[in-house]
Amino acid sequence: MATEAPPPPRGTETEHGPVQPTTEQFIEVQEGEEFGELRRTYRSFAFPLTIAFITWYLLYVLLCNYAGDFMGTRVFGNVNVALVLGLGQFATTFLIAWLYSRHAAHRLDPKAEAIKARMEADA
């Protein structure tokens, strides 16, 4: 949503909180080692899990399309392999979301808060 209000002046206290860092300060932090470590920590978690989940999802789709007999195998009652694997997709999604929230709370958020605090103190 766009606003007509001008951005707050750089280097001054605003009604919404602390001083706003300048563009140059943002670029300096972005090119710094600490921000690089934060980015590596994020990527080392997010990329492997994303690849694993997409692979797992595509395997499920391929099995549904090309291994109908296997997917139609009854596990118990009216429950077949396709239903079990399909429900596994939902379980995996929630598991990944829970793991990410724990990872972010323990590894990403403290680093991001430290960077933010330093930027606000230097501005």
N, C-alpha and C. Protein backbone atom coordinates (compact mmCIF):
# COMPACT_ATOMS: atom_id res chain seq x y z
N MET A 1 0.84 -1.17 0.00
CA MET A 1 0.00 0.00 0.00
C MET A 1 0.89 1.24 0.00
N ALA A 2 0.70 2.07 -0.97
CA ALA A 2 1.51 3.28 -1.10
C ALA A 2 1.00 4.36 -0.17
N THR A 3 1.89 5.23 0.18
CA THR A 3 1.53 6.35 1.05
C THR A 3 2.04 7.63 0.42
N GLU A 4 1.36 8.71 0.73
CA GLU A 4 1.76 10.01 0.21
C GLU A 4 2.75 10.70 1.14
N ALA A 5 2.93 10.16 2.33
CA ALA A 5 3.83 10.78 3.31
C ALA A 5 5.27 10.65 2.85
N PRO A 6 6.06 11.69 3.01
CA PRO A 6 7.47 11.59 2.62
C PRO A 6 8.22 10.72 3.62
N PRO A 7 9.33 10.14 3.20
CA PRO A 7 10.12 9.33 4.13
C PRO A 7 10.69 10.20 5.23
N PRO A 8 10.96 9.61 6.40
CA PRO A 8 11.53 10.43 7.48
C PRO A 8 12.92 10.92 7.10
N PRO A 9 13.31 12.06 7.60
CA PRO A 9 14.65 12.57 7.29
C PRO A 9 15.71 11.65 7.86
N ARG A 10 16.79 11.49 7.15
CA ARG A 10 17.88 10.61 7.58
C ARG A 10 18.61 11.22 8.76
N GLY A 11 18.97 10.37 9.71
CA GLY A 11 19.78 10.80 10.82
C GLY A 11 19.03 11.59 11.89
N THR A 12 17.68 11.54 11.88
CA THR A 12 16.93 12.25 12.91
C THR A 12 15.97 11.30 13.61
N GLU A 13 15.60 11.64 14.81
CA GLU A 13 14.62 10.86 15.58
C GLU A 13 13.25 11.03 14.93
N THR A 14 12.51 9.94 14.81
CA THR A 14 11.19 10.00 14.21
C THR A 14 10.13 9.74 15.27
N GLU A 15 8.88 10.03 14.93
CA GLU A 15 7.78 9.77 15.86
C GLU A 15 7.53 8.27 16.01
N HIS A 16 8.03 7.46 15.08
CA HIS A 16 7.82 6.01 15.11
C HIS A 16 8.96 5.25 15.76
N GLY A 17 9.99 5.91 16.17
CA GLY A 17 11.07 5.18 16.82
C GLY A 17 12.42 5.77 16.57
N PRO A 18 13.42 4.91 16.56
CA PRO A 18 14.80 5.37 16.50
C PRO A 18 15.17 6.00 15.15
N VAL A 19 16.37 6.47 15.11
CA VAL A 19 16.92 7.14 13.94
C VAL A 19 16.97 6.18 12.75
N GLN A 20 16.71 6.73 11.57
CA GLN A 20 16.76 5.94 10.35
C GLN A 20 18.17 5.96 9.76
N PRO A 21 18.77 4.78 9.53
CA PRO A 21 20.10 4.75 8.91
C PRO A 21 20.04 5.25 7.47
N THR A 22 21.16 5.70 6.97
CA THR A 22 21.24 6.17 5.59
C THR A 22 21.41 4.99 4.64
N THR A 23 21.22 5.24 3.38
CA THR A 23 21.41 4.21 2.36
C THR A 23 22.83 3.68 2.39
N GLU A 24 23.78 4.57 2.56
CA GLU A 24 25.18 4.15 2.60
C GLU A 24 25.45 3.21 3.78
N GLN A 25 24.81 3.49 4.91
CA GLN A 25 24.98 2.62 6.07
C GLN A 25 24.39 1.23 5.81
N PHE A 26 23.24 1.18 5.13
CA PHE A 26 22.65 -0.11 4.78
C PHE A 26 23.59 -0.90 3.87
N ILE A 27 24.14 -0.24 2.88
CA ILE A 27 25.05 -0.90 1.94
C ILE A 27 26.29 -1.40 2.67
N GLU A 28 26.83 -0.58 3.55
CA GLU A 28 28.01 -0.97 4.32
C GLU A 28 27.73 -2.22 5.17
N VAL A 29 26.58 -2.26 5.82
CA VAL A 29 26.23 -3.43 6.63
C VAL A 29 26.02 -4.65 5.73
N GLN A 30 25.35 -4.45 4.61
CA GLN A 30 25.08 -5.55 3.69
C GLN A 30 26.37 -6.18 3.17
N GLU A 31 27.39 -5.39 2.97
CA GLU A 31 28.66 -5.90 2.47
C GLU A 31 29.56 -6.42 3.58
N GLY A 32 29.16 -6.25 4.84
CA GLY A 32 29.97 -6.66 5.98
C GLY A 32 29.94 -8.16 6.24
N GLU A 33 30.91 -8.62 7.02
CA GLU A 33 31.05 -10.04 7.35
C GLU A 33 29.89 -10.55 8.20
N GLU A 34 29.42 -9.72 9.13
CA GLU A 34 28.34 -10.17 10.03
C GLU A 34 27.06 -10.45 9.26
N PHE A 35 26.73 -9.57 8.31
CA PHE A 35 25.54 -9.79 7.49
C PHE A 35 25.73 -10.99 6.58
N GLY A 36 26.94 -11.18 6.07
CA GLY A 36 27.24 -12.36 5.26
C GLY A 36 27.05 -13.64 6.05
N GLU A 37 27.44 -13.63 7.31
CA GLU A 37 27.25 -14.81 8.17
C GLU A 37 25.76 -15.06 8.40
N LEU A 38 25.00 -14.00 8.60
CA LEU A 38 23.55 -14.14 8.76
C LEU A 38 22.93 -14.75 7.52
N ARG A 39 23.34 -14.27 6.36
CA ARG A 39 22.82 -14.80 5.10
C ARG A 39 23.21 -16.26 4.90
N ARG A 40 24.46 -16.63 5.24
CA ARG A 40 24.90 -18.03 5.13
C ARG A 40 24.12 -18.94 6.07
N THR A 41 23.87 -18.45 7.28
CA THR A 41 23.10 -19.24 8.24
C THR A 41 21.69 -19.50 7.72
N TYR A 42 21.07 -18.49 7.15
CA TYR A 42 19.74 -18.65 6.57
C TYR A 42 19.77 -19.63 5.39
N ARG A 43 20.69 -19.40 4.48
CA ARG A 43 20.74 -20.22 3.28
C ARG A 43 21.10 -21.68 3.57
N SER A 44 21.96 -21.90 4.56
CA SER A 44 22.35 -23.28 4.87
C SER A 44 21.19 -24.07 5.43
N PHE A 45 20.18 -23.40 5.93
CA PHE A 45 18.98 -24.07 6.40
C PHE A 45 17.91 -24.13 5.31
N ALA A 46 17.63 -22.99 4.70
CA ALA A 46 16.50 -22.88 3.78
C ALA A 46 16.71 -23.64 2.47
N PHE A 47 17.87 -23.54 1.87
CA PHE A 47 18.07 -24.16 0.56
C PHE A 47 17.99 -25.68 0.60
N PRO A 48 18.70 -26.36 1.51
CA PRO A 48 18.59 -27.82 1.52
C PRO A 48 17.17 -28.31 1.82
N LEU A 49 16.47 -27.65 2.74
CA LEU A 49 15.10 -28.09 3.03
C LEU A 49 14.16 -27.80 1.86
N THR A 50 14.37 -26.71 1.17
CA THR A 50 13.55 -26.41 0.01
C THR A 50 13.76 -27.46 -1.08
N ILE A 51 15.00 -27.79 -1.35
CA ILE A 51 15.30 -28.81 -2.37
C ILE A 51 14.74 -30.16 -1.95
N ALA A 52 14.89 -30.52 -0.68
CA ALA A 52 14.37 -31.81 -0.20
C ALA A 52 12.85 -31.85 -0.32
N PHE A 53 12.17 -30.76 0.05
CA PHE A 53 10.72 -30.78 -0.02
C PHE A 53 10.23 -30.82 -1.46
N ILE A 54 10.84 -30.06 -2.35
CA ILE A 54 10.41 -30.08 -3.75
C ILE A 54 10.65 -31.45 -4.36
N THR A 55 11.77 -32.08 -4.02
CA THR A 55 12.03 -33.44 -4.50
C THR A 55 10.97 -34.40 -3.99
N TRP A 56 10.65 -34.32 -2.70
CA TRP A 56 9.64 -35.18 -2.09
C TRP A 56 8.28 -34.95 -2.75
N TYR A 57 7.93 -33.70 -3.02
CA TYR A 57 6.66 -33.39 -3.66
C TYR A 57 6.63 -33.94 -5.10
N LEU A 58 7.70 -33.71 -5.86
CA LEU A 58 7.73 -34.21 -7.23
C LEU A 58 7.71 -35.73 -7.28
N LEU A 59 8.36 -36.37 -6.33
CA LEU A 59 8.30 -37.84 -6.25
C LEU A 59 6.85 -38.29 -6.04
N TYR A 60 6.13 -37.62 -5.17
CA TYR A 60 4.73 -37.94 -4.92
C TYR A 60 3.90 -37.77 -6.20
N VAL A 61 4.11 -36.67 -6.91
CA VAL A 61 3.36 -36.43 -8.15
C VAL A 61 3.70 -37.50 -9.20
N LEU A 62 4.97 -37.80 -9.35
CA LEU A 62 5.38 -38.82 -10.32
C LEU A 62 4.81 -40.19 -9.96
N LEU A 63 4.85 -40.53 -8.69
CA LEU A 63 4.27 -41.81 -8.27
C LEU A 63 2.78 -41.85 -8.55
N CYS A 64 2.08 -40.75 -8.31
CA CYS A 64 0.64 -40.70 -8.60
C CYS A 64 0.36 -40.88 -10.09
N ASN A 65 1.23 -40.32 -10.93
CA ASN A 65 1.01 -40.40 -12.37
C ASN A 65 1.46 -41.71 -13.00
N TYR A 66 2.56 -42.26 -12.50
CA TYR A 66 3.16 -43.41 -13.20
C TYR A 66 3.21 -44.70 -12.39
N ALA A 67 2.84 -44.67 -11.14
CA ALA A 67 2.86 -45.90 -10.33
C ALA A 67 1.51 -46.08 -9.65
N GLY A 68 0.46 -46.07 -10.47
CA GLY A 68 -0.90 -46.16 -9.95
C GLY A 68 -1.15 -47.42 -9.15
N ASP A 69 -0.59 -48.53 -9.61
CA ASP A 69 -0.80 -49.79 -8.87
C ASP A 69 -0.17 -49.71 -7.48
N PHE A 70 1.04 -49.17 -7.40
CA PHE A 70 1.70 -49.03 -6.10
C PHE A 70 0.92 -48.07 -5.20
N MET A 71 0.53 -46.92 -5.75
CA MET A 71 -0.17 -45.93 -4.96
C MET A 71 -1.56 -46.42 -4.52
N GLY A 72 -2.13 -47.33 -5.28
CA GLY A 72 -3.43 -47.88 -4.94
C GLY A 72 -3.37 -49.02 -3.94
N THR A 73 -2.17 -49.43 -3.56
CA THR A 73 -2.01 -50.53 -2.60
C THR A 73 -2.63 -50.13 -1.27
N ARG A 74 -3.50 -51.00 -0.76
CA ARG A 74 -4.15 -50.72 0.52
C ARG A 74 -3.19 -50.96 1.67
N VAL A 75 -3.16 -49.99 2.58
CA VAL A 75 -2.33 -50.11 3.77
C VAL A 75 -3.16 -50.77 4.86
N PHE A 76 -4.34 -50.25 5.10
CA PHE A 76 -5.32 -50.86 6.00
C PHE A 76 -6.69 -50.26 5.69
N GLY A 77 -7.73 -51.05 5.75
CA GLY A 77 -9.08 -50.59 5.43
C GLY A 77 -9.14 -49.96 4.06
N ASN A 78 -9.71 -48.77 3.97
CA ASN A 78 -9.79 -48.03 2.70
C ASN A 78 -8.64 -47.06 2.51
N VAL A 79 -7.64 -47.13 3.35
CA VAL A 79 -6.48 -46.23 3.27
C VAL A 79 -5.42 -46.86 2.39
N ASN A 80 -5.03 -46.14 1.34
CA ASN A 80 -4.00 -46.66 0.44
C ASN A 80 -2.70 -45.85 0.57
N VAL A 81 -1.69 -46.27 -0.15
CA VAL A 81 -0.38 -45.62 -0.10
C VAL A 81 -0.47 -44.16 -0.53
N ALA A 82 -1.26 -43.85 -1.55
CA ALA A 82 -1.41 -42.47 -2.03
C ALA A 82 -1.94 -41.56 -0.94
N LEU A 83 -2.92 -42.02 -0.18
CA LEU A 83 -3.47 -41.20 0.89
C LEU A 83 -2.44 -40.98 2.00
N VAL A 84 -1.72 -42.03 2.35
CA VAL A 84 -0.69 -41.90 3.39
C VAL A 84 0.39 -40.91 2.96
N LEU A 85 0.87 -41.04 1.71
CA LEU A 85 1.90 -40.11 1.23
C LEU A 85 1.35 -38.70 1.06
N GLY A 86 0.10 -38.56 0.64
CA GLY A 86 -0.52 -37.24 0.52
C GLY A 86 -0.63 -36.55 1.87
N LEU A 87 -1.05 -37.28 2.88
CA LEU A 87 -1.11 -36.70 4.22
C LEU A 87 0.30 -36.41 4.74
N GLY A 88 1.26 -37.21 4.29
CA GLY A 88 2.66 -36.95 4.63
C GLY A 88 3.14 -35.62 4.09
N GLN A 89 2.58 -35.18 2.97
CA GLN A 89 2.94 -33.87 2.42
C GLN A 89 2.53 -32.76 3.39
N PHE A 90 1.33 -32.87 3.94
CA PHE A 90 0.89 -31.87 4.92
C PHE A 90 1.74 -31.92 6.18
N ALA A 91 2.01 -33.11 6.66
CA ALA A 91 2.83 -33.25 7.87
C ALA A 91 4.22 -32.66 7.64
N THR A 92 4.79 -32.91 6.47
CA THR A 92 6.12 -32.39 6.15
C THR A 92 6.11 -30.86 6.11
N THR A 93 5.06 -30.28 5.54
CA THR A 93 4.94 -28.82 5.47
C THR A 93 4.94 -28.21 6.87
N PHE A 94 4.14 -28.77 7.75
CA PHE A 94 4.08 -28.23 9.12
C PHE A 94 5.39 -28.49 9.87
N LEU A 95 6.01 -29.62 9.63
CA LEU A 95 7.30 -29.92 10.28
C LEU A 95 8.36 -28.91 9.84
N ILE A 96 8.43 -28.62 8.56
CA ILE A 96 9.41 -27.66 8.05
C ILE A 96 9.14 -26.26 8.63
N ALA A 97 7.88 -25.86 8.69
CA ALA A 97 7.55 -24.56 9.27
C ALA A 97 7.96 -24.48 10.73
N TRP A 98 7.72 -25.55 11.49
CA TRP A 98 8.11 -25.58 12.90
C TRP A 98 9.63 -25.54 13.04
N LEU A 99 10.34 -26.34 12.23
CA LEU A 99 11.80 -26.35 12.28
C LEU A 99 12.37 -24.97 11.93
N TYR A 100 11.79 -24.33 10.92
CA TYR A 100 12.28 -23.00 10.54
C TYR A 100 12.05 -21.98 11.65
N SER A 101 10.89 -22.03 12.29
CA SER A 101 10.63 -21.06 13.37
C SER A 101 11.62 -21.25 14.51
N ARG A 102 11.97 -22.49 14.82
CA ARG A 102 12.97 -22.75 15.86
C ARG A 102 14.35 -22.25 15.41
N HIS A 103 14.70 -22.56 14.16
CA HIS A 103 15.99 -22.14 13.61
C HIS A 103 16.10 -20.61 13.63
N ALA A 104 15.05 -19.94 13.18
CA ALA A 104 15.07 -18.47 13.14
C ALA A 104 15.19 -17.90 14.54
N ALA A 105 14.45 -18.44 15.48
CA ALA A 105 14.46 -17.91 16.85
C ALA A 105 15.82 -18.09 17.51
N HIS A 106 16.49 -19.19 17.23
CA HIS A 106 17.76 -19.47 17.91
C HIS A 106 18.99 -18.97 17.16
N ARG A 107 18.94 -18.95 15.84
CA ARG A 107 20.15 -18.62 15.09
C ARG A 107 20.06 -17.32 14.29
N LEU A 108 18.90 -17.03 13.70
CA LEU A 108 18.80 -15.86 12.83
C LEU A 108 18.42 -14.59 13.58
N ASP A 109 17.39 -14.67 14.39
CA ASP A 109 16.89 -13.48 15.07
C ASP A 109 17.93 -12.80 15.96
N PRO A 110 18.71 -13.53 16.76
CA PRO A 110 19.71 -12.83 17.58
C PRO A 110 20.74 -12.07 16.73
N LYS A 111 21.17 -12.68 15.63
CA LYS A 111 22.13 -12.00 14.75
C LYS A 111 21.50 -10.77 14.09
N ALA A 112 20.27 -10.92 13.63
CA ALA A 112 19.58 -9.80 12.99
C ALA A 112 19.33 -8.67 13.98
N GLU A 113 18.97 -9.00 15.19
CA GLU A 113 18.74 -7.97 16.21
C GLU A 113 20.03 -7.23 16.54
N ALA A 114 21.14 -7.96 16.59
CA ALA A 114 22.43 -7.32 16.87
C ALA A 114 22.80 -6.34 15.75
N ILE A 115 22.60 -6.74 14.52
CA ILE A 115 22.88 -5.86 13.38
C ILE A 115 21.97 -4.63 13.44
N LYS A 116 20.69 -4.86 13.69
CA LYS A 116 19.74 -3.75 13.75
C LYS A 116 20.10 -2.78 14.87
N ALA A 117 20.44 -3.30 16.03
CA ALA A 117 20.78 -2.43 17.16
C ALA A 117 22.01 -1.58 16.86
N ARG A 118 23.02 -2.19 16.22
CA ARG A 118 24.22 -1.43 15.86
C ARG A 118 23.91 -0.36 14.82
N MET A 119 23.06 -0.70 13.85
CA MET A 119 22.71 0.29 12.83
C MET A 119 21.96 1.47 13.43
N GLU A 120 21.05 1.19 14.34
CA GLU A 120 20.28 2.26 14.96
C GLU A 120 21.16 3.11 15.87
N ALA A 121 22.15 2.48 16.50
CA ALA A 121 23.04 3.23 17.39
C ALA A 121 24.00 4.11 16.58
N ASP A 122 24.40 3.64 15.39
CA ASP A 122 25.35 4.39 14.55
C ASP A 122 24.70 5.49 13.73
N ALA A 123 23.37 5.40 13.54
CA ALA A 123 22.70 6.34 12.64
C ALA A 123 22.62 7.74 13.19
